[in-house]
């Protein structure tokens, strides 16, 4: 799936690898502890570029349903744009 963020890569976007539910939870937890480590793990495990790994980690929500940029707290799409600020959020389910 290709996603775009108006604030980061407004024209090109990136292709998101398929993530299992377990992988989504794993990367979300690692990002919560250390975003830099999450980037490294994504590069190693999913074989994505450094740029794409940083893009993915930057957009993963720490708090389910809450925008990373403006703290709007009613997001309900897995890969959606915030209706308040337009930022892309990876709204992965928190287990």
N, C-alpha and C. Protein backbone atom coordinates (compact mmCIF):
# COMPACT_ATOMS: atom_id res chain seq x y z
N UNK A 1 0.83 -1.16 0.00
CA UNK A 1 0.00 0.00 0.00
C UNK A 1 0.89 1.24 0.00
N UNK A 2 0.54 2.22 -0.80
CA UNK A 2 1.30 3.45 -0.87
C UNK A 2 0.61 4.51 -0.01
N UNK A 3 1.39 5.22 0.80
CA UNK A 3 0.85 6.28 1.65
C UNK A 3 1.65 7.55 1.44
N UNK A 4 0.99 8.69 1.67
CA UNK A 4 1.64 9.98 1.53
C UNK A 4 1.27 10.86 2.72
N UNK A 5 2.21 11.66 3.13
CA UNK A 5 1.98 12.64 4.19
C UNK A 5 2.24 14.02 3.60
N UNK A 6 1.30 14.91 3.76
CA UNK A 6 1.46 16.26 3.18
C UNK A 6 2.61 17.02 3.80
N UNK A 7 3.03 16.62 5.00
CA UNK A 7 4.10 17.33 5.69
C UNK A 7 5.49 16.74 5.43
N UNK A 8 5.57 15.46 5.06
CA UNK A 8 6.87 14.79 4.91
C UNK A 8 7.27 14.59 3.45
N UNK A 9 6.50 13.80 2.76
CA UNK A 9 6.77 13.51 1.34
C UNK A 9 5.48 13.76 0.56
N UNK A 10 5.14 15.01 0.33
CA UNK A 10 3.83 15.31 -0.25
C UNK A 10 3.60 14.79 -1.67
N UNK A 11 4.67 14.60 -2.43
CA UNK A 11 4.49 14.17 -3.81
C UNK A 11 4.66 12.69 -4.00
N UNK A 12 5.74 12.13 -3.46
CA UNK A 12 6.04 10.74 -3.78
C UNK A 12 5.46 9.73 -2.79
N UNK A 13 5.47 9.99 -1.50
CA UNK A 13 5.01 9.00 -0.53
C UNK A 13 5.92 7.78 -0.53
N UNK A 14 5.49 6.73 0.18
CA UNK A 14 6.27 5.48 0.19
C UNK A 14 5.32 4.28 0.15
N UNK A 15 5.89 3.16 -0.25
CA UNK A 15 5.17 1.90 -0.25
C UNK A 15 5.37 1.24 1.11
N UNK A 16 4.27 0.92 1.79
CA UNK A 16 4.33 0.31 3.11
C UNK A 16 4.34 -1.21 2.96
N UNK A 17 5.29 -1.90 3.60
CA UNK A 17 5.28 -3.37 3.56
C UNK A 17 4.04 -3.91 4.29
N UNK A 18 3.69 -5.14 4.00
CA UNK A 18 2.61 -5.78 4.74
C UNK A 18 3.12 -6.16 6.12
N UNK A 19 2.41 -5.71 7.15
CA UNK A 19 2.78 -6.02 8.52
C UNK A 19 1.69 -6.90 9.14
N UNK A 20 2.11 -7.92 9.86
CA UNK A 20 1.15 -8.72 10.62
C UNK A 20 0.76 -7.94 11.87
N UNK A 21 -0.30 -8.38 12.54
CA UNK A 21 -0.70 -7.72 13.78
C UNK A 21 0.41 -7.77 14.82
N UNK A 22 1.09 -8.90 14.91
CA UNK A 22 2.19 -9.04 15.86
C UNK A 22 3.33 -8.08 15.53
N UNK A 23 3.64 -7.92 14.25
CA UNK A 23 4.71 -6.99 13.85
C UNK A 23 4.32 -5.55 14.17
N UNK A 24 3.08 -5.19 13.92
CA UNK A 24 2.62 -3.83 14.23
C UNK A 24 2.78 -3.54 15.71
N UNK A 25 2.38 -4.47 16.54
CA UNK A 25 2.51 -4.29 17.99
C UNK A 25 3.98 -4.23 18.39
N UNK A 26 4.80 -5.07 17.79
CA UNK A 26 6.24 -5.09 18.09
C UNK A 26 6.88 -3.74 17.75
N UNK A 27 6.64 -3.23 16.55
CA UNK A 27 7.26 -1.97 16.13
C UNK A 27 6.72 -0.80 16.95
N UNK A 28 5.45 -0.83 17.31
CA UNK A 28 4.87 0.23 18.13
C UNK A 28 5.55 0.26 19.50
N UNK A 29 5.74 -0.91 20.10
CA UNK A 29 6.39 -0.99 21.41
C UNK A 29 7.84 -0.54 21.35
N UNK A 30 8.55 -0.97 20.31
CA UNK A 30 9.95 -0.57 20.17
C UNK A 30 10.05 0.94 19.97
N UNK A 31 9.15 1.52 19.17
CA UNK A 31 9.16 2.97 18.97
C UNK A 31 8.93 3.69 20.28
N UNK A 32 8.05 3.18 21.09
CA UNK A 32 7.76 3.80 22.38
C UNK A 32 9.02 3.86 23.25
N UNK A 33 9.83 2.81 23.18
CA UNK A 33 11.08 2.74 23.96
C UNK A 33 12.20 3.55 23.31
N UNK A 34 12.36 3.39 21.99
CA UNK A 34 13.45 4.05 21.29
C UNK A 34 13.15 4.13 19.78
N UNK A 35 12.76 5.30 19.29
CA UNK A 35 12.50 5.45 17.86
C UNK A 35 13.71 5.09 16.99
N UNK A 36 14.90 5.39 17.45
CA UNK A 36 16.10 5.07 16.68
C UNK A 36 16.26 3.56 16.54
N UNK A 37 16.02 2.84 17.62
CA UNK A 37 16.10 1.37 17.57
C UNK A 37 15.02 0.80 16.66
N UNK A 38 13.83 1.41 16.67
CA UNK A 38 12.75 0.96 15.80
C UNK A 38 13.13 1.10 14.33
N UNK A 39 13.80 2.20 13.99
CA UNK A 39 14.27 2.40 12.61
C UNK A 39 15.25 1.30 12.24
N UNK A 40 16.20 1.03 13.11
CA UNK A 40 17.22 0.00 12.84
C UNK A 40 16.57 -1.38 12.66
N UNK A 41 15.63 -1.72 13.52
CA UNK A 41 14.96 -3.02 13.44
C UNK A 41 14.16 -3.13 12.14
N UNK A 42 13.47 -2.07 11.74
CA UNK A 42 12.72 -2.09 10.48
C UNK A 42 13.65 -2.31 9.29
N UNK A 43 14.78 -1.65 9.30
CA UNK A 43 15.75 -1.81 8.21
C UNK A 43 16.23 -3.26 8.15
N UNK A 44 16.56 -3.82 9.30
CA UNK A 44 17.08 -5.19 9.36
C UNK A 44 16.02 -6.24 9.05
N UNK A 45 14.82 -6.07 9.61
CA UNK A 45 13.79 -7.11 9.49
C UNK A 45 12.96 -7.01 8.21
N UNK A 46 12.69 -5.82 7.75
CA UNK A 46 11.82 -5.64 6.58
C UNK A 46 12.57 -5.21 5.33
N UNK A 47 13.89 -5.01 5.48
CA UNK A 47 14.72 -4.66 4.34
C UNK A 47 14.21 -3.40 3.61
N UNK A 48 13.84 -2.39 4.39
CA UNK A 48 13.42 -1.12 3.80
C UNK A 48 14.58 -0.13 3.90
N UNK A 49 14.52 0.91 3.12
CA UNK A 49 15.58 1.92 3.15
C UNK A 49 15.53 2.70 4.48
N UNK A 50 16.62 3.37 4.78
CA UNK A 50 16.68 4.18 6.01
C UNK A 50 15.60 5.26 5.97
N UNK A 51 15.44 5.91 4.83
CA UNK A 51 14.42 6.96 4.69
C UNK A 51 13.03 6.41 4.95
N UNK A 52 12.71 5.25 4.35
CA UNK A 52 11.38 4.67 4.53
C UNK A 52 11.16 4.20 5.97
N UNK A 53 12.19 3.65 6.59
CA UNK A 53 12.07 3.20 7.98
C UNK A 53 11.79 4.40 8.90
N UNK A 54 12.50 5.51 8.69
CA UNK A 54 12.26 6.71 9.49
C UNK A 54 10.85 7.24 9.27
N UNK A 55 10.40 7.21 8.03
CA UNK A 55 9.06 7.66 7.68
C UNK A 55 8.01 6.82 8.41
N UNK A 56 8.17 5.52 8.38
CA UNK A 56 7.23 4.61 9.05
C UNK A 56 7.21 4.87 10.55
N UNK A 57 8.37 4.90 11.16
CA UNK A 57 8.46 5.08 12.62
C UNK A 57 7.87 6.43 13.03
N UNK A 58 8.14 7.46 12.27
CA UNK A 58 7.62 8.79 12.59
C UNK A 58 6.10 8.82 12.62
N UNK A 59 5.46 8.01 11.79
CA UNK A 59 4.00 8.06 11.66
C UNK A 59 3.25 7.04 12.52
N UNK A 60 3.95 6.17 13.22
CA UNK A 60 3.28 5.20 14.10
C UNK A 60 2.78 5.93 15.34
N UNK A 61 1.50 5.79 15.63
CA UNK A 61 0.93 6.39 16.83
C UNK A 61 1.40 5.64 18.07
N UNK A 62 1.76 6.37 19.09
CA UNK A 62 2.06 5.75 20.38
C UNK A 62 0.74 5.48 21.10
N UNK A 63 -0.16 6.43 21.02
CA UNK A 63 -1.46 6.30 21.68
C UNK A 63 -2.51 6.04 20.60
N UNK A 64 -3.20 4.90 20.67
CA UNK A 64 -4.19 4.54 19.66
C UNK A 64 -5.26 5.63 19.55
N UNK A 65 -5.53 6.05 18.33
CA UNK A 65 -6.58 7.03 18.07
C UNK A 65 -6.16 8.48 18.22
N UNK A 66 -4.91 8.73 18.62
CA UNK A 66 -4.46 10.10 18.85
C UNK A 66 -3.42 10.49 17.81
N UNK A 67 -3.62 11.63 17.18
CA UNK A 67 -2.70 12.14 16.16
C UNK A 67 -1.34 12.43 16.79
N UNK A 68 -0.28 12.06 16.07
CA UNK A 68 1.08 12.33 16.54
C UNK A 68 1.44 13.80 16.47
N UNK A 69 0.76 14.55 15.63
CA UNK A 69 1.15 15.95 15.39
C UNK A 69 0.36 16.94 16.23
N UNK A 70 -0.96 16.78 16.28
CA UNK A 70 -1.79 17.80 16.95
C UNK A 70 -2.56 17.26 18.14
N UNK A 71 -2.44 16.00 18.42
CA UNK A 71 -3.11 15.35 19.56
C UNK A 71 -4.63 15.24 19.41
N UNK A 72 -5.15 15.39 18.19
CA UNK A 72 -6.56 15.07 17.93
C UNK A 72 -6.76 13.62 18.35
N UNK A 73 -7.81 13.31 19.10
CA UNK A 73 -7.90 11.96 19.69
C UNK A 73 -9.07 11.11 19.22
N UNK A 74 -9.52 11.31 17.99
CA UNK A 74 -10.63 10.50 17.49
C UNK A 74 -10.31 9.87 16.14
N UNK A 75 -9.07 9.46 15.94
CA UNK A 75 -8.70 8.79 14.69
C UNK A 75 -9.25 7.38 14.70
N UNK A 76 -9.78 6.93 13.56
CA UNK A 76 -10.35 5.59 13.53
C UNK A 76 -9.91 4.76 12.32
N UNK A 77 -9.07 5.31 11.45
CA UNK A 77 -8.55 4.56 10.32
C UNK A 77 -7.14 4.07 10.62
N UNK A 78 -6.80 2.91 10.09
CA UNK A 78 -5.48 2.35 10.34
C UNK A 78 -4.37 3.21 9.73
N UNK A 79 -4.54 3.62 8.49
CA UNK A 79 -3.60 4.51 7.82
C UNK A 79 -4.42 5.70 7.36
N UNK A 80 -4.53 6.70 8.22
CA UNK A 80 -5.41 7.82 7.89
C UNK A 80 -4.79 9.16 8.17
N UNK A 81 -5.41 10.16 7.56
CA UNK A 81 -4.98 11.53 7.77
C UNK A 81 -5.86 12.17 8.83
N UNK A 82 -5.24 12.93 9.69
CA UNK A 82 -5.95 13.61 10.76
C UNK A 82 -6.88 14.66 10.15
N UNK A 83 -8.15 14.67 10.55
CA UNK A 83 -9.07 15.67 10.00
C UNK A 83 -8.76 17.08 10.50
N UNK A 84 -8.03 17.21 11.57
CA UNK A 84 -7.72 18.53 12.13
C UNK A 84 -6.49 19.16 11.47
N UNK A 85 -5.38 18.40 11.37
CA UNK A 85 -4.13 18.97 10.85
C UNK A 85 -3.69 18.36 9.52
N UNK A 86 -4.28 17.23 9.12
CA UNK A 86 -3.94 16.59 7.85
C UNK A 86 -2.73 15.66 7.89
N UNK A 87 -2.13 15.47 9.07
CA UNK A 87 -0.96 14.60 9.18
C UNK A 87 -1.34 13.14 9.03
N UNK A 88 -0.45 12.36 8.42
CA UNK A 88 -0.65 10.93 8.27
C UNK A 88 -0.33 10.23 9.58
N UNK A 89 -1.17 9.28 9.96
CA UNK A 89 -0.97 8.50 11.19
C UNK A 89 -1.14 7.03 10.89
N UNK A 90 -0.23 6.21 11.42
CA UNK A 90 -0.37 4.76 11.39
C UNK A 90 -1.02 4.40 12.69
N UNK A 91 -2.31 4.33 12.69
CA UNK A 91 -3.12 4.14 13.88
C UNK A 91 -3.26 2.64 14.14
N UNK A 92 -2.15 2.04 14.58
CA UNK A 92 -2.13 0.59 14.81
C UNK A 92 -2.73 0.27 16.17
N UNK A 93 -3.51 -0.78 16.22
CA UNK A 93 -4.23 -1.18 17.42
C UNK A 93 -3.25 -1.42 18.56
N UNK A 94 -3.60 -0.91 19.72
CA UNK A 94 -2.80 -1.14 20.91
C UNK A 94 -3.38 -2.35 21.63
N UNK A 95 -2.56 -3.36 21.84
CA UNK A 95 -3.01 -4.59 22.47
C UNK A 95 -2.90 -4.52 23.96
